[in-house]
Amino acid sequence: VETEPVPDPGEAVDDTLRLYFLCAHPSLTPSSAVALT
């Protein structure tokens, strides 16, 4: 709690991490996926 942001109380799943995975799309090269994300 002291070192990290507190998630919204209503969040059941962290959508941010899911977005990270989705932006790392298989159609992209790893370097492009990282840059886009």
PDB file of all heavy atoms in Angstrom:
ATOM      1  N   VAL A   1       0.840  -1.202   0.000  1.00  0.00           N
ATOM      2  CA  VAL A   1       0.000   0.000   0.000  1.00  0.00           C
ATOM      3  C   VAL A   1       0.873   1.248   0.000  1.00  0.00           C
ATOM      4  O   VAL A   1       0.575   2.251  -0.641  1.00  0.00           O
ATOM      5  CB  VAL A   1      -0.952  -0.005   1.214  1.00  0.00           C
ATOM      6  CG1 VAL A   1      -1.606   1.348   1.400  1.00  0.00           C
ATOM      7  CG2 VAL A   1      -2.012  -1.087   1.051  1.00  0.00           C
ATOM      8  N   GLU A   2       2.015   1.204   0.721  1.00  0.00           N
ATOM      9  CA  GLU A   2       2.894   2.360   0.812  1.00  0.00           C
ATOM     10  C   GLU A   2       3.647   2.617  -0.486  1.00  0.00           C
ATOM     11  O   GLU A   2       3.959   3.759  -0.809  1.00  0.00           O
ATOM     12  CB  GLU A   2       3.905   2.168   1.943  1.00  0.00           C
ATOM     13  CG  GLU A   2       3.289   2.184   3.326  1.00  0.00           C
ATOM     14  CD  GLU A   2       4.337   1.979   4.396  1.00  0.00           C
ATOM     15  OE1 GLU A   2       5.529   1.952   4.061  1.00  0.00           O
ATOM     16  OE2 GLU A   2       3.962   1.833   5.562  1.00  0.00           O
ATOM     17  N   THR A   3       3.982   1.560  -1.221  1.00  0.00           N
ATOM     18  CA  THR A   3       4.878   1.718  -2.373  1.00  0.00           C
ATOM     19  C   THR A   3       4.190   1.614  -3.707  1.00  0.00           C
ATOM     20  O   THR A   3       4.798   1.889  -4.734  1.00  0.00           O
ATOM     21  CB  THR A   3       5.989   0.656  -2.322  1.00  0.00           C
ATOM     22  OG1 THR A   3       5.396  -0.648  -2.356  1.00  0.00           O
ATOM     23  CG2 THR A   3       6.827   0.802  -1.067  1.00  0.00           C
ATOM     24  N   GLU A   4       2.929   1.225  -3.762  1.00  0.00           N
ATOM     25  CA  GLU A   4       2.249   1.016  -5.028  1.00  0.00           C
ATOM     26  C   GLU A   4       0.864   1.659  -5.018  1.00  0.00           C
ATOM     27  O   GLU A   4       0.254   1.836  -3.962  1.00  0.00           O
ATOM     28  CB  GLU A   4       2.086  -0.487  -5.299  1.00  0.00           C
ATOM     29  CG  GLU A   4       3.388  -1.240  -5.316  1.00  0.00           C
ATOM     30  CD  GLU A   4       3.159  -2.731  -5.336  1.00  0.00           C
ATOM     31  OE1 GLU A   4       2.024  -3.166  -5.551  1.00  0.00           O
ATOM     32  OE2 GLU A   4       4.115  -3.457  -5.104  1.00  0.00           O
ATOM     33  N   PRO A   5       0.358   2.017  -6.171  1.00  0.00           N
ATOM     34  CA  PRO A   5      -0.995   2.576  -6.237  1.00  0.00           C
ATOM     35  C   PRO A   5      -2.029   1.568  -5.754  1.00  0.00           C
ATOM     36  O   PRO A   5      -1.888   0.359  -5.969  1.00  0.00           O
ATOM     37  CB  PRO A   5      -1.173   2.866  -7.729  1.00  0.00           C
ATOM     38  CG  PRO A   5       0.205   2.927  -8.289  1.00  0.00           C
ATOM     39  CD  PRO A   5       1.026   1.993  -7.462  1.00  0.00           C
ATOM     40  N   VAL A   6      -3.052   2.072  -5.098  1.00  0.00           N
ATOM     41  CA  VAL A   6      -4.107   1.195  -4.605  1.00  0.00           C
ATOM     42  C   VAL A   6      -5.125   0.964  -5.712  1.00  0.00           C
ATOM     43  O   VAL A   6      -5.641   1.919  -6.298  1.00  0.00           O
ATOM     44  CB  VAL A   6      -4.803   1.835  -3.383  1.00  0.00           C
ATOM     45  CG1 VAL A   6      -5.926   0.929  -2.878  1.00  0.00           C
ATOM     46  CG2 VAL A   6      -3.799   2.104  -2.284  1.00  0.00           C
ATOM     47  N   PRO A   7      -5.428  -0.304  -6.055  1.00  0.00           N
ATOM     48  CA  PRO A   7      -6.405  -0.543  -7.109  1.00  0.00           C
ATOM     49  C   PRO A   7      -7.799  -0.096  -6.682  1.00  0.00           C
ATOM     50  O   PRO A   7      -8.102   0.010  -5.498  1.00  0.00           O
ATOM     51  CB  PRO A   7      -6.352  -2.063  -7.310  1.00  0.00           C
ATOM     52  CG  PRO A   7      -5.766  -2.605  -6.057  1.00  0.00           C
ATOM     53  CD  PRO A   7      -4.877  -1.547  -5.495  1.00  0.00           C
ATOM     54  N   ASP A   8      -8.637   0.163  -7.685  1.00  0.00           N
ATOM     55  CA  ASP A   8     -10.010   0.558  -7.412  1.00  0.00           C
ATOM     56  C   ASP A   8     -10.723  -0.558  -6.644  1.00  0.00           C
ATOM     57  O   ASP A   8     -10.578  -1.737  -6.978  1.00  0.00           O
ATOM     58  CB  ASP A   8     -10.734   0.805  -8.733  1.00  0.00           C
ATOM     59  CG  ASP A   8     -12.136   1.315  -8.492  1.00  0.00           C
ATOM     60  OD1 ASP A   8     -12.283   2.532  -8.338  1.00  0.00           O
ATOM     61  OD2 ASP A   8     -13.068   0.478  -8.458  1.00  0.00           O
ATOM     62  N   PRO A   9     -11.462  -0.237  -5.578  1.00  0.00           N
ATOM     63  CA  PRO A   9     -12.091  -1.283  -4.764  1.00  0.00           C
ATOM     64  C   PRO A   9     -13.009  -2.198  -5.564  1.00  0.00           C
ATOM     65  O   PRO A   9     -13.208  -3.347  -5.205  1.00  0.00           O
ATOM     66  CB  PRO A   9     -12.883  -0.478  -3.719  1.00  0.00           C
ATOM     67  CG  PRO A   9     -12.226   0.860  -3.679  1.00  0.00           C
ATOM     68  CD  PRO A   9     -11.714   1.121  -5.051  1.00  0.00           C
ATOM     69  N   GLY A  10     -13.552  -1.683  -6.667  1.00  0.00           N
ATOM     70  CA  GLY A  10     -14.494  -2.508  -7.422  1.00  0.00           C
ATOM     71  C   GLY A  10     -13.844  -3.402  -8.451  1.00  0.00           C
ATOM     72  O   GLY A  10     -14.525  -4.169  -9.122  1.00  0.00           O
ATOM     73  N   GLU A  11     -12.489  -3.315  -8.615  1.00  0.00           N
ATOM     74  CA  GLU A  11     -11.831  -4.101  -9.641  1.00  0.00           C
ATOM     75  C   GLU A  11     -11.732  -5.563  -9.229  1.00  0.00           C
ATOM     76  O   GLU A  11     -11.183  -5.891  -8.192  1.00  0.00           O
ATOM     77  CB  GLU A  11     -10.413  -3.579  -9.905  1.00  0.00           C
ATOM     78  CG  GLU A  11     -10.368  -2.316 -10.728  1.00  0.00           C
ATOM     79  CD  GLU A  11      -8.932  -1.940 -11.044  1.00  0.00           C
ATOM     80  OE1 GLU A  11      -8.046  -2.345 -10.298  1.00  0.00           O
ATOM     81  OE2 GLU A  11      -8.728  -1.242 -12.045  1.00  0.00           O
ATOM     82  N   ALA A  12     -12.243  -6.457 -10.029  1.00  0.00           N
ATOM     83  CA  ALA A  12     -12.054  -7.891  -9.802  1.00  0.00           C
ATOM     84  C   ALA A  12     -10.872  -8.395 -10.604  1.00  0.00           C
ATOM     85  O   ALA A  12     -10.151  -9.278 -10.186  1.00  0.00           O
ATOM     86  CB  ALA A  12     -13.321  -8.655 -10.196  1.00  0.00           C
ATOM     87  N   VAL A  13     -10.657  -7.847 -11.799  1.00  0.00           N
ATOM     88  CA  VAL A  13      -9.552  -8.231 -12.663  1.00  0.00           C
ATOM     89  C   VAL A  13      -8.853  -6.959 -13.109  1.00  0.00           C
ATOM     90  O   VAL A  13      -9.510  -5.965 -13.424  1.00  0.00           O
ATOM     91  CB  VAL A  13     -10.051  -9.015 -13.892  1.00  0.00           C
ATOM     92  CG1 VAL A  13      -8.887  -9.350 -14.816  1.00  0.00           C
ATOM     93  CG2 VAL A  13     -10.776 -10.278 -13.462  1.00  0.00           C
ATOM     94  N   ASP A  14      -7.508  -6.970 -13.131  1.00  0.00           N
ATOM     95  CA  ASP A  14      -6.762  -5.787 -13.543  1.00  0.00           C
ATOM     96  C   ASP A  14      -6.720  -5.741 -15.065  1.00  0.00           C
ATOM     97  O   ASP A  14      -6.015  -6.513 -15.701  1.00  0.00           O
ATOM     98  CB  ASP A  14      -5.347  -5.837 -12.966  1.00  0.00           C
ATOM     99  CG  ASP A  14      -4.655  -4.495 -13.112  1.00  0.00           C
ATOM    100  OD1 ASP A  14      -4.779  -3.882 -14.176  1.00  0.00           O
ATOM    101  OD2 ASP A  14      -3.996  -4.074 -12.152  1.00  0.00           O
ATOM    102  N   ASP A  15      -7.470  -4.823 -15.660  1.00  0.00           N
ATOM    103  CA  ASP A  15      -7.512  -4.721 -17.112  1.00  0.00           C
ATOM    104  C   ASP A  15      -6.203  -4.210 -17.698  1.00  0.00           C
ATOM    105  O   ASP A  15      -5.913  -4.455 -18.869  1.00  0.00           O
ATOM    106  CB  ASP A  15      -8.650  -3.790 -17.544  1.00  0.00           C
ATOM    107  CG  ASP A  15     -10.016  -4.455 -17.373  1.00  0.00           C
ATOM    108  OD1 ASP A  15     -10.058  -5.694 -17.374  1.00  0.00           O
ATOM    109  OD2 ASP A  15     -11.013  -3.739 -17.233  1.00  0.00           O
ATOM    110  N   THR A  16      -5.413  -3.491 -16.892  1.00  0.00           N
ATOM    111  CA  THR A  16      -4.161  -2.951 -17.420  1.00  0.00           C
ATOM    112  C   THR A  16      -3.221  -4.069 -17.854  1.00  0.00           C
ATOM    113  O   THR A  16      -2.660  -4.035 -18.947  1.00  0.00           O
ATOM    114  CB  THR A  16      -3.470  -2.075 -16.361  1.00  0.00           C
ATOM    115  OG1 THR A  16      -4.365  -1.056 -15.931  1.00  0.00           O
ATOM    116  CG2 THR A  16      -2.208  -1.442 -16.930  1.00  0.00           C
ATOM    117  N   LEU A  17      -3.068  -5.088 -17.005  1.00  0.00           N
ATOM    118  CA  LEU A  17      -2.184  -6.195 -17.363  1.00  0.00           C
ATOM    119  C   LEU A  17      -2.720  -6.933 -18.585  1.00  0.00           C
ATOM    120  O   LEU A  17      -1.955  -7.369 -19.458  1.00  0.00           O
ATOM    121  CB  LEU A  17      -2.035  -7.155 -16.172  1.00  0.00           C
ATOM    122  CG  LEU A  17      -0.965  -8.242 -16.325  1.00  0.00           C
ATOM    123  CD1 LEU A  17       0.402  -7.637 -16.583  1.00  0.00           C
ATOM    124  CD2 LEU A  17      -0.921  -9.112 -15.071  1.00  0.00           C
ATOM    125  N   ARG A  18      -4.032  -7.068 -18.680  1.00  0.00           N
ATOM    126  CA  ARG A  18      -4.636  -7.715 -19.843  1.00  0.00           C
ATOM    127  C   ARG A  18      -4.332  -6.918 -21.116  1.00  0.00           C
ATOM    128  O   ARG A  18      -4.030  -7.482 -22.172  1.00  0.00           O
ATOM    129  CB  ARG A  18      -6.151  -7.838 -19.648  1.00  0.00           C
ATOM    130  CG  ARG A  18      -6.880  -8.530 -20.795  1.00  0.00           C
ATOM    131  CD  ARG A  18      -8.333  -8.796 -20.423  1.00  0.00           C
ATOM    132  NE  ARG A  18      -9.063  -9.367 -21.548  1.00  0.00           N
ATOM    133  CZ  ARG A  18      -9.712  -8.655 -22.454  1.00  0.00           C
ATOM    134  NH1 ARG A  18      -9.728  -7.320 -22.367  1.00  0.00           N
ATOM    135  NH2 ARG A  18     -10.345  -9.235 -23.458  1.00  0.00           N
ATOM    136  N   LEU A  19      -4.371  -5.583 -21.017  1.00  0.00           N
ATOM    137  CA  LEU A  19      -4.053  -4.757 -22.173  1.00  0.00           C
ATOM    138  C   LEU A  19      -2.597  -4.920 -22.593  1.00  0.00           C
ATOM    139  O   LEU A  19      -2.270  -4.899 -23.786  1.00  0.00           O
ATOM    140  CB  LEU A  19      -4.343  -3.282 -21.860  1.00  0.00           C
ATOM    141  CG  LEU A  19      -5.815  -2.878 -21.823  1.00  0.00           C
ATOM    142  CD1 LEU A  19      -5.955  -1.453 -21.310  1.00  0.00           C
ATOM    143  CD2 LEU A  19      -6.440  -3.014 -23.207  1.00  0.00           C
ATOM    144  N   TYR A  20      -1.722  -5.086 -21.613  1.00  0.00           N
ATOM    145  CA  TYR A  20      -0.315  -5.325 -21.943  1.00  0.00           C
ATOM    146  C   TYR A  20      -0.186  -6.579 -22.803  1.00  0.00           C
ATOM    147  O   TYR A  20       0.549  -6.606 -23.796  1.00  0.00           O
ATOM    148  CB  TYR A  20       0.504  -5.498 -20.664  1.00  0.00           C
ATOM    149  CG  TYR A  20       1.055  -4.209 -20.103  1.00  0.00           C
ATOM    150  CD1 TYR A  20       0.221  -3.176 -19.687  1.00  0.00           C
ATOM    151  CD2 TYR A  20       2.423  -4.015 -19.960  1.00  0.00           C
ATOM    152  CE1 TYR A  20       0.714  -2.006 -19.163  1.00  0.00           C
ATOM    153  CE2 TYR A  20       2.940  -2.841 -19.435  1.00  0.00           C
ATOM    154  CZ  TYR A  20       2.074  -1.843 -19.035  1.00  0.00           C
ATOM    155  OH  TYR A  20       2.583  -0.678 -18.526  1.00  0.00           O
ATOM    156  N   PHE A  21      -0.886  -7.645 -22.411  1.00  0.00           N
ATOM    157  CA  PHE A  21      -0.822  -8.893 -23.173  1.00  0.00           C
ATOM    158  C   PHE A  21      -1.429  -8.730 -24.563  1.00  0.00           C
ATOM    159  O   PHE A  21      -0.902  -9.249 -25.545  1.00  0.00           O
ATOM    160  CB  PHE A  21      -1.542 -10.012 -22.412  1.00  0.00           C
ATOM    161  CG  PHE A  21      -0.647 -10.762 -21.477  1.00  0.00           C
ATOM    162  CD1 PHE A  21      -0.591 -10.429 -20.141  1.00  0.00           C
ATOM    163  CD2 PHE A  21       0.142 -11.809 -21.934  1.00  0.00           C
ATOM    164  CE1 PHE A  21       0.240 -11.119 -19.273  1.00  0.00           C
ATOM    165  CE2 PHE A  21       0.971 -12.496 -21.078  1.00  0.00           C
ATOM    166  CZ  PHE A  21       1.026 -12.154 -19.740  1.00  0.00           C
ATOM    167  N   LEU A  22      -2.521  -8.006 -24.642  1.00  0.00           N
ATOM    168  CA  LEU A  22      -3.177  -7.852 -25.935  1.00  0.00           C
ATOM    169  C   LEU A  22      -2.354  -7.007 -26.899  1.00  0.00           C
ATOM    170  O   LEU A  22      -2.322  -7.271 -28.105  1.00  0.00           O
ATOM    171  CB  LEU A  22      -4.564  -7.235 -25.750  1.00  0.00           C
ATOM    172  CG  LEU A  22      -5.602  -8.142 -25.070  1.00  0.00           C
ATOM    173  CD1 LEU A  22      -6.899  -7.391 -24.844  1.00  0.00           C
ATOM    174  CD2 LEU A  22      -5.858  -9.396 -25.900  1.00  0.00           C
ATOM    175  N   CYS A  23      -1.668  -5.991 -26.386  1.00  0.00           N
ATOM    176  CA  CYS A  23      -0.824  -5.181 -27.259  1.00  0.00           C
ATOM    177  C   CYS A  23       0.403  -5.956 -27.743  1.00  0.00           C
ATOM    178  O   CYS A  23       0.986  -5.607 -28.771  1.00  0.00           O
ATOM    179  CB  CYS A  23      -0.391  -3.900 -26.552  1.00  0.00           C
ATOM    180  SG  CYS A  23      -1.664  -2.624 -26.513  1.00  0.00           S
ATOM    181  N   ALA A  24       0.798  -6.983 -27.003  1.00  0.00           N
ATOM    182  CA  ALA A  24       1.902  -7.845 -27.437  1.00  0.00           C
ATOM    183  C   ALA A  24       1.343  -8.889 -28.403  1.00  0.00           C
ATOM    184  O   ALA A  24       1.447 -10.096 -28.190  1.00  0.00           O
ATOM    185  CB  ALA A  24       2.556  -8.507 -26.229  1.00  0.00           C
ATOM    186  N   HIS A  25       0.724  -8.431 -29.483  1.00  0.00           N
ATOM    187  CA  HIS A  25      -0.026  -9.292 -30.400  1.00  0.00           C
ATOM    188  C   HIS A  25       0.916 -10.148 -31.242  1.00  0.00           C
ATOM    189  O   HIS A  25       1.987  -9.694 -31.664  1.00  0.00           O
ATOM    190  CB  HIS A  25      -0.906  -8.431 -31.307  1.00  0.00           C
ATOM    191  CG  HIS A  25      -1.981  -9.188 -32.004  1.00  0.00           C
ATOM    192  ND1 HIS A  25      -1.787  -9.787 -33.224  1.00  0.00           N
ATOM    193  CD2 HIS A  25      -3.254  -9.468 -31.643  1.00  0.00           C
ATOM    194  CE1 HIS A  25      -2.894 -10.394 -33.600  1.00  0.00           C
ATOM    195  NE2 HIS A  25      -3.810 -10.210 -32.656  1.00  0.00           N
ATOM    196  N   PRO A  26       0.535 -11.409 -31.528  1.00  0.00           N
ATOM    197  CA  PRO A  26       1.406 -12.295 -32.324  1.00  0.00           C
ATOM    198  C   PRO A  26       1.706 -11.784 -33.722  1.00  0.00           C
ATOM    199  O   PRO A  26       2.697 -12.195 -34.333  1.00  0.00           O
ATOM    200  CB  PRO A  26       0.607 -13.610 -32.381  1.00  0.00           C
ATOM    201  CG  PRO A  26      -0.288 -13.563 -31.198  1.00  0.00           C
ATOM    202  CD  PRO A  26      -0.639 -12.128 -31.002  1.00  0.00           C
ATOM    203  N   SER A  27       0.877 -10.900 -34.259  1.00  0.00           N
ATOM    204  CA  SER A  27       1.135 -10.380 -35.604  1.00  0.00           C
ATOM    205  C   SER A  27       2.260  -9.350 -35.620  1.00  0.00           C
ATOM    206  O   SER A  27       2.718  -8.934 -36.691  1.00  0.00           O
ATOM    207  CB  SER A  27      -0.134  -9.748 -36.173  1.00  0.00           C
ATOM    208  OG  SER A  27      -0.543  -8.641 -35.402  1.00  0.00           O
ATOM    209  N   LEU A  28       2.694  -8.909 -34.435  1.00  0.00           N
ATOM    210  CA  LEU A  28       3.758  -7.916 -34.333  1.00  0.00           C
ATOM    211  C   LEU A  28       5.080  -8.581 -33.976  1.00  0.00           C
ATOM    212  O   LEU A  28       5.105  -9.601 -33.285  1.00  0.00           O
ATOM    213  CB  LEU A  28       3.418  -6.880 -33.259  1.00  0.00           C
ATOM    214  CG  LEU A  28       2.185  -6.019 -33.471  1.00  0.00           C
ATOM    215  CD1 LEU A  28       1.900  -5.214 -32.208  1.00  0.00           C
ATOM    216  CD2 LEU A  28       2.378  -5.088 -34.656  1.00  0.00           C
ATOM    217  N   THR A  29       6.160  -7.982 -34.435  1.00  0.00           N
ATOM    218  CA  THR A  29       7.467  -8.419 -33.938  1.00  0.00           C
ATOM    219  C   THR A  29       7.574  -8.002 -32.475  1.00  0.00           C
ATOM    220  O   THR A  29       6.910  -7.051 -32.041  1.00  0.00           O
ATOM    221  CB  THR A  29       8.603  -7.761 -34.727  1.00  0.00           C
ATOM    222  OG1 THR A  29       8.551  -6.338 -34.509  1.00  0.00           O
ATOM    223  CG2 THR A  29       8.502  -8.065 -36.217  1.00  0.00           C
ATOM    224  N   PRO A  30       8.406  -8.707 -31.692  1.00  0.00           N
ATOM    225  CA  PRO A  30       8.529  -8.328 -30.275  1.00  0.00           C
ATOM    226  C   PRO A  30       8.894  -6.865 -30.068  1.00  0.00           C
ATOM    227  O   PRO A  30       8.330  -6.197 -29.199  1.00  0.00           O
ATOM    228  CB  PRO A  30       9.630  -9.268 -29.770  1.00  0.00           C
ATOM    229  CG  PRO A  30       9.530 -10.468 -30.652  1.00  0.00           C
ATOM    230  CD  PRO A  30       9.150  -9.928 -32.008  1.00  0.00           C
ATOM    231  N   SER A  31       9.831  -6.333 -30.871  1.00  0.00           N
ATOM    232  CA  SER A  31      10.236  -4.939 -30.671  1.00  0.00           C
ATOM    233  C   SER A  31       9.092  -3.975 -30.973  1.00  0.00           C
ATOM    234  O   SER A  31       8.899  -2.986 -30.260  1.00  0.00           O
ATOM    235  CB  SER A  31      11.446  -4.605 -31.550  1.00  0.00           C
ATOM    236  OG  SER A  31      11.135  -4.781 -32.915  1.00  0.00           O
ATOM    237  N   SER A  32       8.308  -4.281 -32.013  1.00  0.00           N
ATOM    238  CA  SER A  32       7.165  -3.421 -32.332  1.00  0.00           C
ATOM    239  C   SER A  32       6.082  -3.527 -31.275  1.00  0.00           C
ATOM    240  O   SER A  32       5.438  -2.533 -30.926  1.00  0.00           O
ATOM    241  CB  SER A  32       6.594  -3.793 -33.701  1.00  0.00           C
ATOM    242  OG  SER A  32       7.520  -3.519 -34.722  1.00  0.00           O
ATOM    243  N   ALA A  33       5.863  -4.739 -30.757  1.00  0.00           N
ATOM    244  CA  ALA A  33       4.856  -4.927 -29.714  1.00  0.00           C
ATOM    245  C   ALA A  33       5.219  -4.143 -28.463  1.00  0.00           C
ATOM    246  O   ALA A  33       4.358  -3.498 -27.836  1.00  0.00           O
ATOM    247  CB  ALA A  33       4.717  -6.413 -29.386  1.00  0.00           C
ATOM    248  N   VAL A  34       6.482  -4.172 -28.099  1.00  0.00           N
ATOM    249  CA  VAL A  34       6.923  -3.417 -26.921  1.00  0.00           C
ATOM    250  C   VAL A  34       6.708  -1.923 -27.144  1.00  0.00           C
ATOM    251  O   VAL A  34       6.173  -1.212 -26.287  1.00  0.00           O
ATOM    252  CB  VAL A  34       8.408  -3.716 -26.612  1.00  0.00           C
ATOM    253  CG1 VAL A  34       8.925  -2.767 -25.541  1.00  0.00           C
ATOM    254  CG2 VAL A  34       8.575  -5.153 -26.153  1.00  0.00           C
ATOM    255  N   ALA A  35       7.135  -1.431 -28.290  1.00  0.00           N
ATOM    256  CA  ALA A  35       7.004  -0.001 -28.566  1.00  0.00           C
ATOM    257  C   ALA A  35       5.546   0.437 -28.542  1.00  0.00           C
ATOM    258  O   ALA A  35       5.200   1.480 -27.964  1.00  0.00           O
ATOM    259  CB  ALA A  35       7.636   0.318 -29.927  1.00  0.00           C
ATOM    260  N   LEU A  36       4.668  -0.349 -29.174  1.00  0.00           N
ATOM    261  CA  LEU A  36       3.244   0.009 -29.218  1.00  0.00           C
ATOM    262  C   LEU A  36       2.640   0.007 -27.817  1.00  0.00           C
ATOM    263  O   LEU A  36       1.875   0.908 -27.447  1.00  0.00           O
ATOM    264  CB  LEU A  36       2.488  -0.975 -30.111  1.00  0.00           C
ATOM    265  CG  LEU A  36       0.971  -0.744 -30.210  1.00  0.00           C
ATOM    266  CD1 LEU A  36       0.672   0.625 -30.805  1.00  0.00           C
ATOM    267  CD2 LEU A  36       0.314  -1.843 -31.040  1.00  0.00           C
ATOM    268  N   THR A  37       2.982  -0.983 -27.016  1.00  0.00           N
ATOM    269  CA  THR A  37       2.431  -1.070 -25.664  1.00  0.00           C
ATOM    270  C   THR A  37       2.899   0.090 -24.797  1.00  0.00           C
ATOM    271  O   THR A  37       2.124   0.678 -24.036  1.00  0.00           O
ATOM    272  CB  THR A  37       2.810  -2.404 -25.003  1.00  0.00           C
ATOM    273  OG1 THR A  37       2.567  -3.463 -25.907  1.00  0.00           O
ATOM    274  CG2 THR A  37       2.015  -2.633 -23.725  1.00  0.00           C
TER     275      THR A  37
END
